[in-house]
């Protein structure tokens, strides 16, 4: 079984690179047209030159977490999102009224 592992790894990288080229929008492809990248990945996939070239130079890569250059902010947890915290503060008075209403009913009986 282990003798097939290198072949399976090469095949997996080849297929992944091919699907990645197909799913990448045209505006994110660098240096060559998308069709040329598809041909390069298909022709040179057996020796991993095509997929490696695609991963290294063919696609614009984004820094994890959006980077420091503007763009949309991604919140890590709900308590890091000021809008979420504001919504909790807005809901809090309603919950307090419900608690008071429950206490009033408990005192009546």
N, C-alpha and C. Protein backbone atom coordinates (compact mmCIF):
# COMPACT_ATOMS: atom_id res chain seq x y z
N UNK A 1 0.82 -1.21 0.00
CA UNK A 1 0.00 0.00 0.00
C UNK A 1 0.86 1.27 0.00
N UNK A 2 1.97 1.23 0.73
CA UNK A 2 2.82 2.42 0.82
C UNK A 2 3.47 2.78 -0.51
N UNK A 3 3.62 1.81 -1.40
CA UNK A 3 4.24 2.13 -2.68
C UNK A 3 3.32 2.99 -3.56
N UNK A 4 2.02 3.01 -3.26
CA UNK A 4 1.08 3.84 -4.02
C UNK A 4 0.93 5.24 -3.44
N UNK A 5 1.45 5.45 -2.25
CA UNK A 5 1.29 6.75 -1.58
C UNK A 5 1.86 7.92 -2.38
N UNK A 6 3.08 7.86 -2.91
CA UNK A 6 3.57 9.01 -3.69
C UNK A 6 2.69 9.31 -4.90
N UNK A 7 2.23 8.28 -5.58
CA UNK A 7 1.35 8.49 -6.72
C UNK A 7 0.05 9.16 -6.29
N UNK A 8 -0.52 8.70 -5.19
CA UNK A 8 -1.78 9.28 -4.71
C UNK A 8 -1.60 10.73 -4.25
N UNK A 9 -0.46 11.04 -3.63
CA UNK A 9 -0.20 12.42 -3.21
C UNK A 9 -0.06 13.35 -4.42
N UNK A 10 0.67 12.91 -5.42
CA UNK A 10 0.82 13.71 -6.65
C UNK A 10 -0.54 13.91 -7.30
N UNK A 11 -1.33 12.86 -7.37
CA UNK A 11 -2.66 12.96 -7.96
C UNK A 11 -3.55 13.92 -7.18
N UNK A 12 -3.48 13.86 -5.86
CA UNK A 12 -4.29 14.75 -5.02
C UNK A 12 -3.90 16.22 -5.23
N UNK A 13 -2.59 16.50 -5.28
CA UNK A 13 -2.13 17.88 -5.50
C UNK A 13 -2.54 18.35 -6.89
N UNK A 14 -2.43 17.49 -7.86
CA UNK A 14 -2.80 17.80 -9.23
C UNK A 14 -4.28 18.15 -9.33
N UNK A 15 -5.13 17.34 -8.75
CA UNK A 15 -6.58 17.59 -8.78
C UNK A 15 -6.92 18.86 -8.00
N UNK A 16 -6.30 19.04 -6.84
CA UNK A 16 -6.57 20.24 -6.05
C UNK A 16 -6.19 21.51 -6.82
N UNK A 17 -5.03 21.51 -7.45
CA UNK A 17 -4.58 22.67 -8.21
C UNK A 17 -5.52 22.94 -9.39
N UNK A 18 -5.94 21.89 -10.07
CA UNK A 18 -6.85 22.05 -11.21
C UNK A 18 -8.18 22.66 -10.77
N UNK A 19 -8.74 22.16 -9.69
CA UNK A 19 -10.01 22.71 -9.19
C UNK A 19 -9.82 24.14 -8.69
N UNK A 20 -8.67 24.41 -8.05
CA UNK A 20 -8.39 25.77 -7.57
C UNK A 20 -8.29 26.76 -8.72
N UNK A 21 -7.66 26.35 -9.83
CA UNK A 21 -7.58 27.22 -11.00
C UNK A 21 -8.98 27.49 -11.55
N UNK A 22 -9.79 26.46 -11.65
CA UNK A 22 -11.13 26.63 -12.20
C UNK A 22 -12.02 27.52 -11.32
N UNK A 23 -11.86 27.43 -10.00
CA UNK A 23 -12.71 28.19 -9.08
C UNK A 23 -12.21 29.60 -8.79
N UNK A 24 -11.01 29.93 -9.22
CA UNK A 24 -10.46 31.26 -8.97
C UNK A 24 -11.05 32.26 -9.97
N UNK A 25 -11.58 33.39 -9.46
CA UNK A 25 -12.09 34.41 -10.37
C UNK A 25 -10.97 34.96 -11.26
N UNK A 26 -11.32 35.35 -12.46
CA UNK A 26 -10.34 35.83 -13.45
C UNK A 26 -9.53 37.01 -12.92
N UNK A 27 -10.13 37.87 -12.11
CA UNK A 27 -9.42 39.06 -11.62
C UNK A 27 -8.36 38.72 -10.56
N UNK A 28 -8.40 37.50 -10.00
CA UNK A 28 -7.40 37.10 -9.02
C UNK A 28 -6.27 36.27 -9.62
N UNK A 29 -6.32 36.02 -10.91
CA UNK A 29 -5.28 35.25 -11.59
C UNK A 29 -4.17 36.20 -12.01
N UNK A 30 -2.92 35.80 -11.72
CA UNK A 30 -1.77 36.66 -12.03
C UNK A 30 -0.95 36.10 -13.17
N UNK A 31 -0.26 37.00 -13.87
CA UNK A 31 0.78 36.72 -14.87
C UNK A 31 0.28 36.14 -16.18
N UNK A 32 -0.64 35.22 -16.18
CA UNK A 32 -1.12 34.59 -17.40
C UNK A 32 -2.64 34.48 -17.37
N UNK A 33 -3.27 34.37 -18.53
CA UNK A 33 -4.73 34.16 -18.52
C UNK A 33 -5.09 32.82 -17.85
N UNK A 34 -6.30 32.75 -17.36
CA UNK A 34 -6.76 31.57 -16.64
C UNK A 34 -6.69 30.30 -17.49
N UNK A 35 -7.02 30.41 -18.77
CA UNK A 35 -7.00 29.25 -19.66
C UNK A 35 -5.58 28.69 -19.78
N UNK A 36 -4.61 29.57 -19.82
CA UNK A 36 -3.21 29.12 -19.91
C UNK A 36 -2.81 28.39 -18.63
N UNK A 37 -3.27 28.90 -17.47
CA UNK A 37 -2.97 28.23 -16.21
C UNK A 37 -3.59 26.83 -16.16
N UNK A 38 -4.80 26.71 -16.68
CA UNK A 38 -5.44 25.38 -16.73
C UNK A 38 -4.59 24.42 -17.55
N UNK A 39 -4.12 24.89 -18.70
CA UNK A 39 -3.30 24.03 -19.57
C UNK A 39 -1.99 23.67 -18.89
N UNK A 40 -1.35 24.65 -18.24
CA UNK A 40 -0.08 24.39 -17.54
C UNK A 40 -0.27 23.35 -16.44
N UNK A 41 -1.33 23.51 -15.64
CA UNK A 41 -1.57 22.56 -14.55
C UNK A 41 -1.86 21.17 -15.10
N UNK A 42 -2.62 21.09 -16.19
CA UNK A 42 -2.92 19.78 -16.77
C UNK A 42 -1.71 19.12 -17.41
N UNK A 43 -0.92 19.89 -18.16
CA UNK A 43 0.21 19.31 -18.86
C UNK A 43 1.37 18.94 -17.94
N UNK A 44 1.63 19.76 -16.95
CA UNK A 44 2.79 19.55 -16.09
C UNK A 44 2.39 19.08 -14.69
N UNK A 45 1.20 18.51 -14.55
CA UNK A 45 0.73 18.05 -13.25
C UNK A 45 1.39 16.78 -12.77
N UNK A 46 1.78 15.92 -13.69
CA UNK A 46 2.38 14.65 -13.30
C UNK A 46 3.70 14.83 -12.57
N UNK A 47 4.42 15.87 -12.92
CA UNK A 47 5.71 16.13 -12.28
C UNK A 47 5.61 17.27 -11.27
N UNK A 48 4.39 17.71 -10.98
CA UNK A 48 4.08 18.76 -10.00
C UNK A 48 4.60 20.14 -10.36
N UNK A 49 5.16 20.33 -11.54
CA UNK A 49 5.63 21.67 -11.93
C UNK A 49 4.45 22.62 -12.14
N UNK A 50 3.42 22.15 -12.81
CA UNK A 50 2.25 23.00 -13.05
C UNK A 50 1.55 23.43 -11.77
N UNK A 51 1.19 22.47 -10.90
CA UNK A 51 0.55 22.87 -9.64
C UNK A 51 1.41 23.76 -8.76
N UNK A 52 2.70 23.46 -8.68
CA UNK A 52 3.58 24.30 -7.85
C UNK A 52 3.68 25.71 -8.43
N UNK A 53 3.79 25.82 -9.75
CA UNK A 53 3.83 27.14 -10.38
C UNK A 53 2.53 27.90 -10.10
N UNK A 54 1.40 27.20 -10.13
CA UNK A 54 0.11 27.85 -9.85
C UNK A 54 0.06 28.35 -8.41
N UNK A 55 0.45 27.50 -7.47
CA UNK A 55 0.37 27.88 -6.06
C UNK A 55 1.33 29.02 -5.73
N UNK A 56 2.49 29.05 -6.38
CA UNK A 56 3.50 30.06 -6.05
C UNK A 56 3.22 31.39 -6.74
N UNK A 57 2.89 31.35 -8.04
CA UNK A 57 2.80 32.62 -8.78
C UNK A 57 1.46 32.91 -9.42
N UNK A 58 0.61 31.93 -9.57
CA UNK A 58 -0.58 32.12 -10.39
C UNK A 58 -1.75 32.82 -9.75
N UNK A 59 -1.87 32.75 -8.43
CA UNK A 59 -3.06 33.28 -7.77
C UNK A 59 -2.68 34.31 -6.72
N UNK A 60 -3.46 35.39 -6.65
CA UNK A 60 -3.26 36.37 -5.59
C UNK A 60 -3.65 35.73 -4.27
N UNK A 61 -2.76 35.75 -3.33
CA UNK A 61 -3.04 35.18 -2.01
C UNK A 61 -3.34 36.32 -1.05
N UNK A 62 -4.34 36.10 -0.20
CA UNK A 62 -4.73 37.11 0.78
C UNK A 62 -4.12 36.74 2.12
N UNK A 63 -3.69 37.77 2.86
CA UNK A 63 -3.14 37.52 4.18
C UNK A 63 -4.25 37.01 5.10
N UNK A 64 -3.94 36.07 5.99
CA UNK A 64 -4.96 35.57 6.90
C UNK A 64 -5.49 36.67 7.79
N UNK A 65 -6.79 36.68 8.02
CA UNK A 65 -7.40 37.68 8.88
C UNK A 65 -7.59 39.03 8.21
N UNK A 66 -7.43 39.12 6.92
CA UNK A 66 -7.67 40.37 6.23
C UNK A 66 -6.45 41.26 6.13
N UNK A 67 -5.43 41.06 6.96
CA UNK A 67 -4.22 41.88 6.90
C UNK A 67 -4.45 43.28 7.42
N UNK A 68 -3.46 44.14 7.25
CA UNK A 68 -3.54 45.49 7.77
C UNK A 68 -4.05 46.48 6.73
N UNK A 69 -4.29 46.02 5.52
CA UNK A 69 -4.65 46.93 4.44
C UNK A 69 -6.14 47.11 4.22
N UNK A 70 -6.85 47.67 5.16
CA UNK A 70 -8.27 47.96 4.97
C UNK A 70 -9.08 46.71 4.80
N UNK A 71 -10.15 46.81 4.03
CA UNK A 71 -10.99 45.66 3.80
C UNK A 71 -11.97 45.45 4.94
N UNK A 72 -12.70 44.37 4.85
CA UNK A 72 -13.68 44.07 5.90
C UNK A 72 -12.99 43.48 7.11
N UNK A 73 -13.49 43.85 8.27
CA UNK A 73 -12.96 43.31 9.51
C UNK A 73 -13.67 42.02 9.84
N UNK A 74 -12.91 41.01 10.21
CA UNK A 74 -13.51 39.76 10.63
C UNK A 74 -13.40 39.67 12.14
N UNK A 75 -14.53 39.44 12.79
CA UNK A 75 -14.55 39.32 14.23
C UNK A 75 -14.20 37.90 14.62
N UNK A 76 -13.43 37.77 15.67
CA UNK A 76 -13.01 36.46 16.12
C UNK A 76 -14.10 35.81 16.95
N UNK A 77 -14.67 36.54 17.86
CA UNK A 77 -15.71 36.02 18.75
C UNK A 77 -16.82 37.05 18.85
N UNK A 78 -18.02 36.63 19.23
CA UNK A 78 -19.12 37.60 19.31
C UNK A 78 -18.84 38.75 20.26
N UNK A 79 -18.11 38.49 21.35
CA UNK A 79 -17.86 39.59 22.29
C UNK A 79 -16.81 40.56 21.78
N UNK A 80 -16.21 40.30 20.61
CA UNK A 80 -15.31 41.25 19.98
C UNK A 80 -16.04 42.17 19.00
N UNK A 81 -17.29 41.87 18.74
CA UNK A 81 -18.08 42.62 17.76
C UNK A 81 -18.90 43.67 18.48
N UNK A 82 -18.60 44.97 18.28
CA UNK A 82 -19.34 46.01 18.99
C UNK A 82 -20.84 46.02 18.66
N UNK A 83 -21.20 45.64 17.44
CA UNK A 83 -22.62 45.61 17.09
C UNK A 83 -23.36 44.54 17.88
N UNK A 84 -22.73 43.39 18.07
CA UNK A 84 -23.34 42.33 18.86
C UNK A 84 -23.50 42.77 20.31
N UNK A 85 -22.48 43.41 20.87
CA UNK A 85 -22.56 43.88 22.25
C UNK A 85 -23.66 44.92 22.40
N UNK A 86 -23.79 45.80 21.39
CA UNK A 86 -24.85 46.80 21.43
C UNK A 86 -26.22 46.14 21.40
N UNK A 87 -26.36 45.08 20.59
CA UNK A 87 -27.66 44.40 20.53
C UNK A 87 -27.99 43.75 21.86
N UNK A 88 -26.98 43.29 22.60
CA UNK A 88 -27.24 42.72 23.92
C UNK A 88 -27.72 43.79 24.89
N UNK A 89 -27.10 44.97 24.80
CA UNK A 89 -27.53 46.06 25.67
C UNK A 89 -28.95 46.50 25.33
N UNK A 90 -29.30 46.46 24.04
CA UNK A 90 -30.65 46.85 23.63
C UNK A 90 -31.68 45.84 24.12
N UNK A 91 -31.32 44.56 24.20
CA UNK A 91 -32.25 43.53 24.64
C UNK A 91 -32.36 43.46 26.15
N UNK A 92 -31.38 43.92 26.87
CA UNK A 92 -31.35 43.79 28.32
C UNK A 92 -32.56 44.41 29.02
N UNK A 93 -33.05 45.60 28.66
CA UNK A 93 -34.22 46.15 29.36
C UNK A 93 -35.45 45.25 29.23
N UNK A 94 -35.66 44.61 28.11
CA UNK A 94 -36.80 43.72 27.95
C UNK A 94 -36.71 42.55 28.91
N UNK A 95 -35.53 42.01 29.06
CA UNK A 95 -35.36 40.88 29.96
C UNK A 95 -35.59 41.31 31.40
N UNK A 96 -35.14 42.51 31.76
CA UNK A 96 -35.37 43.00 33.12
C UNK A 96 -36.85 43.18 33.39
N UNK A 97 -37.59 43.67 32.40
CA UNK A 97 -39.03 43.83 32.57
C UNK A 97 -39.70 42.48 32.78
N UNK A 98 -39.27 41.45 32.04
CA UNK A 98 -39.85 40.11 32.19
C UNK A 98 -39.56 39.56 33.58
N UNK A 99 -38.33 39.79 34.08
CA UNK A 99 -37.99 39.31 35.41
C UNK A 99 -38.83 40.00 36.47
N UNK A 100 -39.03 41.32 36.32
CA UNK A 100 -39.86 42.05 37.28
C UNK A 100 -41.30 41.57 37.22
N UNK A 101 -41.81 41.30 36.02
CA UNK A 101 -43.17 40.81 35.84
C UNK A 101 -43.34 39.45 36.53
N UNK A 102 -42.36 38.59 36.41
CA UNK A 102 -42.40 37.27 37.06
C UNK A 102 -42.40 37.43 38.58
N UNK A 103 -41.58 38.36 39.10
CA UNK A 103 -41.53 38.58 40.53
C UNK A 103 -42.84 39.13 41.05
N UNK A 104 -43.48 40.03 40.28
CA UNK A 104 -44.76 40.59 40.67
C UNK A 104 -45.84 39.50 40.74
N UNK A 105 -45.85 38.59 39.78
CA UNK A 105 -46.82 37.49 39.79
C UNK A 105 -46.58 36.59 40.98
N UNK A 106 -45.32 36.36 41.32
CA UNK A 106 -45.00 35.51 42.45
C UNK A 106 -45.47 36.11 43.78
N UNK A 107 -45.46 37.45 43.90
CA UNK A 107 -45.88 38.13 45.12
C UNK A 107 -47.40 38.18 45.25
N UNK A 108 -48.12 38.10 44.13
CA UNK A 108 -49.59 38.18 44.17
C UNK A 108 -50.18 36.93 44.82
N UNK A 109 -49.62 35.76 44.56
CA UNK A 109 -50.23 34.51 44.98
C UNK A 109 -49.70 34.02 46.23
